Amino acid sequence: MAGRLRQSTGRYGGRTAEERQAERRRRFLDAGLQLFGAGPGYRSTTVAALSEAAGLSTRQFYEEFRSLEDVLAALHLQVNDWAEEAALAALTEAGDLPLAERATALFHAYAANVTSDPRRIRITFVEIIGVSARLEDQRLSRRARWVEFICGEAATAVARGEAAPRDYRLAATAFIGSVNGLLHDWNAGWVDATLDEVVEELVRQLLGILRPTGWGGEVATRL
């Protein structure tokens, strides 16, 4: 009976079919990170070129993905997951420190992760823009997740008496836009500063949001 080829479910070369499939998927994503993130870019890459870079066939590509857009979507989520994991790990380590030190640890971890590979910044802030309504929804959804992240940390600071109590959603949305824009511009060479200076500026901005002029919280007077 004619139909789509089925992948083998047995062991081959000491690996299961699931392990081989995961390896193929990783190779396609690695190739996508290189071609989309370093050049020629998502819009100038073909399935054939991606498959060649991965050392696999186009038939194998279509066993893992429906289109190049699926590869870009997966990479965008992966890059955001890596950054979120780094930020959460830093907060776990700095959980009992004062607000300014927690914020510094958070942004050092986030910025170091995102900027450790320029291809990640290009995937997240450049290549995904304007591709499709689906990817725009995904981009905005992940940005909303970062907004919730900042709002959660603001709520923790308020509970500890370290920040003024208010609804931080609008401010967090504006702040995330600043973070993304500053890191993109720094990576592109448009900002004459070290990464440490960029982090210090982000921390100052966040503290200014959480502790507006005239707020008289118990911790604000001693930090």
C-alpha atoms as a PDB file:
ATOM      1  CA  MET A   1       0.000   0.000   0.000  1.00  0.00           C
ATOM      2  CA  ALA A   2       1.353   3.418  -0.961  1.00  0.00           C
ATOM      3  CA  GLY A   3       1.863   5.936   1.786  1.00  0.00           C
ATOM      4  CA  ARG A   4       4.339   7.835   3.872  1.00  0.00           C
ATOM      5  CA  LEU A   5       7.475   5.951   4.817  1.00  0.00           C
ATOM      6  CA  ARG A   6       7.520   4.833   8.416  1.00  0.00           C
ATOM      7  CA  GLN A   7      10.652   5.232  10.492  1.00  0.00           C
ATOM      8  CA  SER A   8      12.269   2.160  11.965  1.00  0.00           C
ATOM      9  CA  THR A   9      11.468   1.545  15.630  1.00  0.00           C
ATOM     10  CA  GLY A  10      14.337  -0.864  16.320  1.00  0.00           C
ATOM     11  CA  ARG A  11      17.907  -0.342  17.520  1.00  0.00           C
ATOM     12  CA  TYR A  12      20.631   0.520  15.058  1.00  0.00           C
ATOM     13  CA  GLY A  13      24.242   1.203  15.911  1.00  0.00           C
ATOM     14  CA  GLY A  14      23.421   0.765  19.589  1.00  0.00           C
ATOM     15  CA  ARG A  15      20.809   3.555  19.570  1.00  0.00           C
ATOM     16  CA  THR A  16      17.031   3.426  19.580  1.00  0.00           C
ATOM     17  CA  ALA A  17      14.878   5.019  16.888  1.00  0.00           C
ATOM     18  CA  GLU A  18      13.908   7.759  19.358  1.00  0.00           C
ATOM     19  CA  GLU A  19      17.563   8.524  20.063  1.00  0.00           C
ATOM     20  CA  ARG A  20      18.374   8.683  16.351  1.00  0.00           C
ATOM     21  CA  GLN A  21      15.399  10.961  15.743  1.00  0.00           C
ATOM     22  CA  ALA A  22      16.465  13.285  18.571  1.00  0.00           C
ATOM     23  CA  GLU A  23      19.973  13.411  17.106  1.00  0.00           C
ATOM     24  CA  ARG A  24      18.621  14.307  13.643  1.00  0.00           C
ATOM     25  CA  ARG A  25      16.433  17.027  15.113  1.00  0.00           C
ATOM     26  CA  ARG A  26      19.392  18.451  17.050  1.00  0.00           C
ATOM     27  CA  ARG A  27      21.516  18.528  13.894  1.00  0.00           C
ATOM     28  CA  PHE A  28      18.819  20.389  11.978  1.00  0.00           C
ATOM     29  CA  LEU A  29      18.444  22.909  14.816  1.00  0.00           C
ATOM     30  CA  ASP A  30      22.216  23.380  15.052  1.00  0.00           C
ATOM     31  CA  ALA A  31      22.323  24.011  11.317  1.00  0.00           C
ATOM     32  CA  GLY A  32      19.405  26.433  11.629  1.00  0.00           C
ATOM     33  CA  LEU A  33      21.131  28.336  14.398  1.00  0.00           C
ATOM     34  CA  GLN A  34      24.166  28.756  12.177  1.00  0.00           C
ATOM     35  CA  LEU A  35      22.408  29.620   8.915  1.00  0.00           C
ATOM     36  CA  PHE A  36      19.650  31.774  10.399  1.00  0.00           C
ATOM     37  CA  GLY A  37      21.779  33.336  13.121  1.00  0.00           C
ATOM     38  CA  ALA A  38      25.110  33.875  11.356  1.00  0.00           C
ATOM     39  CA  GLY A  39      24.133  33.976   7.701  1.00  0.00           C
ATOM     40  CA  PRO A  40      22.696  34.010   5.174  1.00  0.00           C
ATOM     41  CA  GLY A  41      19.616  34.375   7.432  1.00  0.00           C
ATOM     42  CA  TYR A  42      16.229  32.702   7.587  1.00  0.00           C
ATOM     43  CA  ARG A  43      14.805  34.313   4.447  1.00  0.00           C
ATOM     44  CA  SER A  44      17.811  33.330   2.335  1.00  0.00           C
ATOM     45  CA  THR A  45      18.044  29.721   3.525  1.00  0.00           C
ATOM     46  CA  THR A  46      16.481  26.789   1.685  1.00  0.00           C
ATOM     47  CA  VAL A  47      15.522  23.358   2.971  1.00  0.00           C
ATOM     48  CA  ALA A  48      18.240  21.899   0.754  1.00  0.00           C
ATOM     49  CA  ALA A  49      20.892  24.235   2.195  1.00  0.00           C
ATOM     50  CA  LEU A  50      19.817  23.524   5.769  1.00  0.00           C
ATOM     51  CA  SER A  51      19.824  19.778   5.165  1.00  0.00           C
ATOM     52  CA  GLU A  52      23.281  19.954   3.609  1.00  0.00           C
ATOM     53  CA  ALA A  53      24.595  21.959   6.565  1.00  0.00           C
ATOM     54  CA  ALA A  54      23.120  19.354   8.936  1.00  0.00           C
ATOM     55  CA  GLY A  55      24.663  16.524   6.938  1.00  0.00           C
ATOM     56  CA  LEU A  56      21.217  15.016   6.371  1.00  0.00           C
ATOM     57  CA  SER A  57      18.761  14.649   3.521  1.00  0.00           C
ATOM     58  CA  THR A  58      15.723  16.731   2.661  1.00  0.00           C
ATOM     59  CA  ARG A  59      13.644  13.593   3.159  1.00  0.00           C
ATOM     60  CA  GLN A  60      14.898  13.430   6.740  1.00  0.00           C
ATOM     61  CA  PHE A  61      14.110  17.128   7.152  1.00  0.00           C
ATOM     62  CA  TYR A  62      10.461  16.574   6.305  1.00  0.00           C
ATOM     63  CA  GLU A  63      10.314  13.664   8.741  1.00  0.00           C
ATOM     64  CA  GLU A  64      11.132  16.157  11.532  1.00  0.00           C
ATOM     65  CA  PHE A  65       9.658  19.491  10.375  1.00  0.00           C
ATOM     66  CA  ARG A  66       6.935  20.740   8.080  1.00  0.00           C
ATOM     67  CA  SER A  67       8.834  23.849   6.990  1.00  0.00           C
ATOM     68  CA  LEU A  68      11.801  26.108   7.714  1.00  0.00           C
ATOM     69  CA  GLU A  69       9.426  28.253   9.750  1.00  0.00           C
ATOM     70  CA  ASP A  70       9.060  25.337  12.174  1.00  0.00           C
ATOM     71  CA  VAL A  71      12.841  25.314  12.621  1.00  0.00           C
ATOM     72  CA  LEU A  72      12.899  29.054  13.319  1.00  0.00           C
ATOM     73  CA  ALA A  73      10.014  28.704  15.773  1.00  0.00           C
ATOM     74  CA  ALA A  74      11.802  25.905  17.622  1.00  0.00           C
ATOM     75  CA  LEU A  75      15.038  27.900  17.783  1.00  0.00           C
ATOM     76  CA  HIS A  76      13.258  30.998  19.108  1.00  0.00           C
ATOM     77  CA  LEU A  77      11.700  28.958  21.915  1.00  0.00           C
ATOM     78  CA  GLN A  78      14.987  27.222  22.659  1.00  0.00           C
ATOM     79  CA  VAL A  79      16.948  30.468  22.944  1.00  0.00           C
ATOM     80  CA  ASN A  80      14.320  31.911  25.280  1.00  0.00           C
ATOM     81  CA  ASP A  81      14.318  28.733  27.365  1.00  0.00           C
ATOM     82  CA  TRP A  82      18.097  28.895  27.771  1.00  0.00           C
ATOM     83  CA  ALA A  83      17.900  32.518  28.925  1.00  0.00           C
ATOM     84  CA  GLU A  84      15.030  31.805  31.314  1.00  0.00           C
ATOM     85  CA  GLU A  85      16.849  28.853  32.846  1.00  0.00           C
ATOM     86  CA  ALA A  86      19.934  31.032  33.403  1.00  0.00           C
ATOM     87  CA  ALA A  87      17.850  33.774  35.030  1.00  0.00           C
ATOM     88  CA  LEU A  88      15.999  31.344  37.306  1.00  0.00           C
ATOM     89  CA  ALA A  89      19.241  29.676  38.379  1.00  0.00           C
ATOM     90  CA  ALA A  90      20.735  33.078  39.251  1.00  0.00           C
ATOM     91  CA  LEU A  91      17.666  34.022  41.298  1.00  0.00           C
ATOM     92  CA  THR A  92      17.816  30.749  43.171  1.00  0.00           C
ATOM     93  CA  GLU A  93      21.420  31.493  44.116  1.00  0.00           C
ATOM     94  CA  ALA A  94      20.629  35.105  45.077  1.00  0.00           C
ATOM     95  CA  GLY A  95      17.233  34.484  46.661  1.00  0.00           C
ATOM     96  CA  ASP A  96      18.129  35.848  50.123  1.00  0.00           C
ATOM     97  CA  LEU A  97      20.129  38.861  48.942  1.00  0.00           C
ATOM     98  CA  PRO A  98      18.805  42.457  48.931  1.00  0.00           C
ATOM     99  CA  LEU A  99      16.868  43.637  45.875  1.00  0.00           C
ATOM    100  CA  ALA A 100      19.741  45.467  44.167  1.00  0.00           C
ATOM    101  CA  GLU A 101      21.986  42.423  44.431  1.00  0.00           C
ATOM    102  CA  ARG A 102      19.242  40.074  43.225  1.00  0.00           C
ATOM    103  CA  ALA A 103      18.584  42.290  40.221  1.00  0.00           C
ATOM    104  CA  THR A 104      22.292  42.471  39.410  1.00  0.00           C
ATOM    105  CA  ALA A 105      22.655  38.689  39.589  1.00  0.00           C
ATOM    106  CA  LEU A 106      19.558  38.234  37.423  1.00  0.00           C
ATOM    107  CA  PHE A 107      20.675  40.546  34.635  1.00  0.00           C
ATOM    108  CA  HIS A 108      24.268  39.360  34.662  1.00  0.00           C
ATOM    109  CA  ALA A 109      23.016  35.804  34.140  1.00  0.00           C
ATOM    110  CA  TYR A 110      20.454  36.775  31.493  1.00  0.00           C
ATOM    111  CA  ALA A 111      22.776  39.070  29.548  1.00  0.00           C
ATOM    112  CA  ALA A 112      25.681  36.617  29.687  1.00  0.00           C
ATOM    113  CA  ASN A 113      23.476  33.838  28.356  1.00  0.00           C
ATOM    114  CA  VAL A 114      21.858  35.835  25.555  1.00  0.00           C
ATOM    115  CA  THR A 115      25.073  37.515  24.391  1.00  0.00           C
ATOM    116  CA  SER A 116      27.294  34.443  24.744  1.00  0.00           C
ATOM    117  CA  ASP A 117      26.382  33.572  21.163  1.00  0.00           C
ATOM    118  CA  PRO A 118      25.531  36.440  18.753  1.00  0.00           C
ATOM    119  CA  ARG A 119      23.436  34.005  16.728  1.00  0.00           C
ATOM    120  CA  ARG A 120      20.974  33.770  19.621  1.00  0.00           C
ATOM    121  CA  ILE A 121      20.378  37.514  19.608  1.00  0.00           C
ATOM    122  CA  ARG A 122      19.812  37.516  15.848  1.00  0.00           C
ATOM    123  CA  ILE A 123      17.322  34.632  16.097  1.00  0.00           C
ATOM    124  CA  THR A 124      15.378  36.280  18.931  1.00  0.00           C
ATOM    125  CA  PHE A 125      15.447  39.946  17.970  1.00  0.00           C
ATOM    126  CA  VAL A 126      15.888  40.015  14.187  1.00  0.00           C
ATOM    127  CA  GLU A 127      15.093  36.873  12.200  1.00  0.00           C
ATOM    128  CA  ILE A 128      11.723  36.167  13.812  1.00  0.00           C
ATOM    129  CA  ILE A 129      10.338  39.643  13.112  1.00  0.00           C
ATOM    130  CA  GLY A 130       7.733  39.856  10.355  1.00  0.00           C
ATOM    131  CA  VAL A 131       7.876  36.218   9.276  1.00  0.00           C
ATOM    132  CA  SER A 132       4.244  35.273   9.866  1.00  0.00           C
ATOM    133  CA  ALA A 133       1.268  35.892  12.131  1.00  0.00           C
ATOM    134  CA  ARG A 134       2.014  32.596  13.850  1.00  0.00           C
ATOM    135  CA  LEU A 135       5.576  33.564  14.767  1.00  0.00           C
ATOM    136  CA  GLU A 136       4.490  37.048  15.784  1.00  0.00           C
ATOM    137  CA  ASP A 137       2.029  35.450  18.197  1.00  0.00           C
ATOM    138  CA  GLN A 138       4.826  33.248  19.531  1.00  0.00           C
ATOM    139  CA  ARG A 139       7.194  36.211  19.918  1.00  0.00           C
ATOM    140  CA  LEU A 140       4.606  38.256  21.788  1.00  0.00           C
ATOM    141  CA  SER A 141       3.685  35.261  23.929  1.00  0.00           C
ATOM    142  CA  ARG A 142       7.286  34.779  25.032  1.00  0.00           C
ATOM    143  CA  ARG A 143       7.665  38.489  25.678  1.00  0.00           C
ATOM    144  CA  ALA A 144       4.518  38.347  27.825  1.00  0.00           C
ATOM    145  CA  ARG A 145       6.136  35.515  29.752  1.00  0.00           C
ATOM    146  CA  TRP A 146       9.120  37.751  30.503  1.00  0.00           C
ATOM    147  CA  VAL A 147       6.723  40.504  31.591  1.00  0.00           C
ATOM    148  CA  GLU A 148       5.120  38.047  34.016  1.00  0.00           C
ATOM    149  CA  PHE A 149       8.601  37.134  35.227  1.00  0.00           C
ATOM    150  CA  ILE A 150       9.413  40.755  36.072  1.00  0.00           C
ATOM    151  CA  CYS A 151       5.983  41.257  37.654  1.00  0.00           C
ATOM    152  CA  GLY A 152       6.577  38.199  39.828  1.00  0.00           C
ATOM    153  CA  GLU A 153       9.913  39.539  41.033  1.00  0.00           C
ATOM    154  CA  ALA A 154       8.326  42.935  41.661  1.00  0.00           C
ATOM    155  CA  ALA A 155       5.647  41.263  43.788  1.00  0.00           C
ATOM    156  CA  THR A 156       8.367  39.520  45.797  1.00  0.00           C
ATOM    157  CA  ALA A 157      10.127  42.840  46.345  1.00  0.00           C
ATOM    158  CA  VAL A 158       6.877  44.492  47.443  1.00  0.00           C
ATOM    159  CA  ALA A 159       6.208  41.671  49.918  1.00  0.00           C
ATOM    160  CA  ARG A 160       9.684  42.192  51.384  1.00  0.00           C
ATOM    161  CA  GLY A 161       9.194  45.944  51.704  1.00  0.00           C
ATOM    162  CA  GLU A 162      11.788  46.608  49.029  1.00  0.00           C
ATOM    163  CA  ALA A 163       9.494  48.164  46.390  1.00  0.00           C
ATOM    164  CA  ALA A 164       6.471  50.406  46.156  1.00  0.00           C
ATOM    165  CA  PRO A 165       3.182  48.498  45.924  1.00  0.00           C
ATOM    166  CA  ARG A 166       1.396  49.025  42.600  1.00  0.00           C
ATOM    167  CA  ASP A 167       0.435  47.275  39.372  1.00  0.00           C
ATOM    168  CA  TYR A 168       3.714  46.760  37.517  1.00  0.00           C
ATOM    169  CA  ARG A 169       2.389  45.227  34.310  1.00  0.00           C
ATOM    170  CA  LEU A 170       2.669  48.332  32.129  1.00  0.00           C
ATOM    171  CA  ALA A 171       6.066  49.278  33.542  1.00  0.00           C
ATOM    172  CA  ALA A 172       7.349  45.715  33.123  1.00  0.00           C
ATOM    173  CA  THR A 173       6.222  45.675  29.485  1.00  0.00           C
ATOM    174  CA  ALA A 174       8.108  48.897  28.786  1.00  0.00           C
ATOM    175  CA  PHE A 175      11.139  47.631  30.678  1.00  0.00           C
ATOM    176  CA  ILE A 176      11.345  44.362  28.728  1.00  0.00           C
ATOM    177  CA  GLY A 177      11.311  46.415  25.529  1.00  0.00           C
ATOM    178  CA  SER A 178      14.266  48.395  26.882  1.00  0.00           C
ATOM    179  CA  VAL A 179      16.153  45.221  27.794  1.00  0.00           C
ATOM    180  CA  ASN A 180      15.699  43.712  24.347  1.00  0.00           C
ATOM    181  CA  GLY A 181      16.546  46.905  22.521  1.00  0.00           C
ATOM    182  CA  LEU A 182      19.652  47.670  24.568  1.00  0.00           C
ATOM    183  CA  LEU A 183      21.084  44.154  24.292  1.00  0.00           C
ATOM    184  CA  HIS A 184      20.413  44.049  20.555  1.00  0.00           C
ATOM    185  CA  ASP A 185      22.064  47.443  20.002  1.00  0.00           C
ATOM    186  CA  TRP A 186      25.021  46.526  22.225  1.00  0.00           C
ATOM    187  CA  ASN A 187      25.572  43.288  20.341  1.00  0.00           C
ATOM    188  CA  ALA A 188      25.370  45.147  17.019  1.00  0.00           C
ATOM    189  CA  GLY A 189      28.127  47.522  18.167  1.00  0.00           C
ATOM    190  CA  TRP A 190      25.866  50.560  18.373  1.00  0.00           C
ATOM    191  CA  VAL A 191      26.382  51.040  22.126  1.00  0.00           C
ATOM    192  CA  ASP A 192      29.841  52.029  23.372  1.00  0.00           C
ATOM    193  CA  ALA A 193      29.846  50.211  26.713  1.00  0.00           C
ATOM    194  CA  THR A 194      30.973  46.998  28.322  1.00  0.00           C
ATOM    195  CA  LEU A 195      28.448  44.286  29.084  1.00  0.00           C
ATOM    196  CA  ASP A 196      28.889  45.037  32.789  1.00  0.00           C
ATOM    197  CA  GLU A 197      27.961  48.663  32.129  1.00  0.00           C
ATOM    198  CA  VAL A 198      24.894  47.529  30.191  1.00  0.00           C
ATOM    199  CA  VAL A 199      23.834  45.348  33.125  1.00  0.00           C
ATOM    200  CA  GLU A 200      24.403  48.206  35.576  1.00  0.00           C
ATOM    201  CA  GLU A 201      22.167  50.451  33.485  1.00  0.00           C
ATOM    202  CA  LEU A 202      19.408  47.825  33.378  1.00  0.00           C
ATOM    203  CA  VAL A 203      19.594  47.415  37.148  1.00  0.00           C
ATOM    204  CA  ARG A 204      19.368  51.201  37.642  1.00  0.00           C
ATOM    205  CA  GLN A 205      16.312  51.320  35.400  1.00  0.00           C
ATOM    206  CA  LEU A 206      14.603  48.488  37.226  1.00  0.00           C
ATOM    207  CA  LEU A 207      15.322  49.937  40.652  1.00  0.00           C
ATOM    208  CA  GLY A 208      14.013  53.295  39.446  1.00  0.00           C
ATOM    209  CA  ILE A 209      10.770  51.604  38.439  1.00  0.00           C
ATOM    210  CA  LEU A 210      10.422  49.699  41.695  1.00  0.00           C
ATOM    211  CA  ARG A 211      11.454  52.631  43.894  1.00  0.00           C
ATOM    212  CA  PRO A 212      10.068  55.843  42.389  1.00  0.00           C
ATOM    213  CA  THR A 213      11.201  59.226  43.659  1.00  0.00           C
ATOM    214  CA  GLY A 214       9.504  60.038  46.918  1.00  0.00           C
ATOM    215  CA  TRP A 215       8.790  56.449  47.901  1.00  0.00           C
ATOM    216  CA  GLY A 216       9.710  55.983  51.552  1.00  0.00           C
ATOM    217  CA  GLY A 217       9.916  52.207  51.944  1.00  0.00           C
ATOM    218  CA  GLU A 218      11.894  50.811  54.815  1.00  0.00           C
ATOM    219  CA  VAL A 219      14.627  49.341  52.610  1.00  0.00           C
ATOM    220  CA  ALA A 220      14.847  52.234  50.154  1.00  0.00           C
ATOM    221  CA  THR A 221      16.518  54.418  52.753  1.00  0.00           C
ATOM    222  CA  ARG A 222      19.390  52.043  53.401  1.00  0.00           C
ATOM    223  CA  LEU A 223      20.293  50.834  49.883  1.00  0.00           C
END
